[in-house]
Amino acid sequence: MISILKRLKSEGYRGISKIEYDNGAYEIKATNSSDKQVKLDVKSTISEKVE
């Protein structure tokens, strides 16, 4: 989990407000580098959905 958070920070995500683990993936709410609130689905790759 720490490596995921480090990777997200290095990619410009901040303001992480929620982390849940479900069905083999982490669901994380954060703010992206464009100041948009997003939901990230993290498995072996990161998928971003703007909210």
Protein backbone atom coordinates (compact mmCIF):
# COMPACT_ATOMS: atom_id res chain seq x y z
CA MET A 1 0.00 0.00 0.00
CA ILE A 2 2.82 2.42 0.79
CA SER A 3 4.33 1.89 -2.66
CA ILE A 4 0.95 2.69 -4.26
CA LEU A 5 0.68 5.95 -2.30
CA LYS A 6 4.27 6.90 -3.22
CA ARG A 7 3.51 6.25 -6.89
CA LEU A 8 0.33 8.32 -6.77
CA LYS A 9 2.18 11.24 -5.15
CA SER A 10 4.95 11.02 -7.77
CA GLU A 11 2.28 11.20 -10.49
CA GLY A 12 0.81 14.40 -8.99
CA TYR A 13 -2.13 13.06 -6.97
CA ARG A 14 -2.80 14.62 -3.57
CA GLY A 15 -5.56 15.05 -1.02
CA ILE A 16 -6.19 11.32 -0.72
CA SER A 17 -9.47 11.09 1.18
CA LYS A 18 -10.60 7.48 0.91
CA ILE A 19 -8.96 4.08 0.48
CA GLU A 20 -10.98 0.87 0.21
CA TYR A 21 -9.98 -2.63 -0.88
CA ASP A 22 -12.61 -4.66 -2.75
CA ASN A 23 -12.54 -7.48 -5.30
CA GLY A 24 -8.76 -7.49 -5.64
CA ALA A 25 -8.37 -3.74 -6.22
CA TYR A 26 -7.95 -0.57 -4.21
CA GLU A 27 -10.45 2.25 -4.72
CA ILE A 28 -8.88 5.59 -3.85
CA LYS A 29 -10.38 9.09 -3.94
CA ALA A 30 -7.87 11.87 -4.55
CA THR A 31 -7.25 15.16 -6.35
CA ASN A 32 -5.30 14.99 -9.60
CA SER A 33 -2.74 17.47 -10.94
CA SER A 34 -5.55 19.38 -12.72
CA ASP A 35 -7.32 19.97 -9.36
CA LYS A 36 -10.15 17.57 -10.23
CA GLN A 37 -11.58 15.13 -7.66
CA VAL A 38 -11.10 11.61 -9.06
CA LYS A 39 -11.72 8.00 -8.11
CA LEU A 40 -8.82 5.67 -8.85
CA ASP A 41 -9.11 1.92 -9.30
CA VAL A 42 -5.70 0.44 -8.57
CA LYS A 43 -4.83 -3.14 -9.53
CA SER A 44 -1.58 -3.65 -11.41
CA THR A 45 -2.34 -0.40 -13.26
CA ILE A 46 -4.13 2.81 -12.24
CA SER A 47 -7.44 3.77 -13.87
CA GLU A 48 -8.79 7.28 -13.26
CA LYS A 49 -12.44 8.37 -13.27
CA VAL A 50 -13.22 12.08 -12.89
CA GLU A 51 -16.10 12.69 -10.48
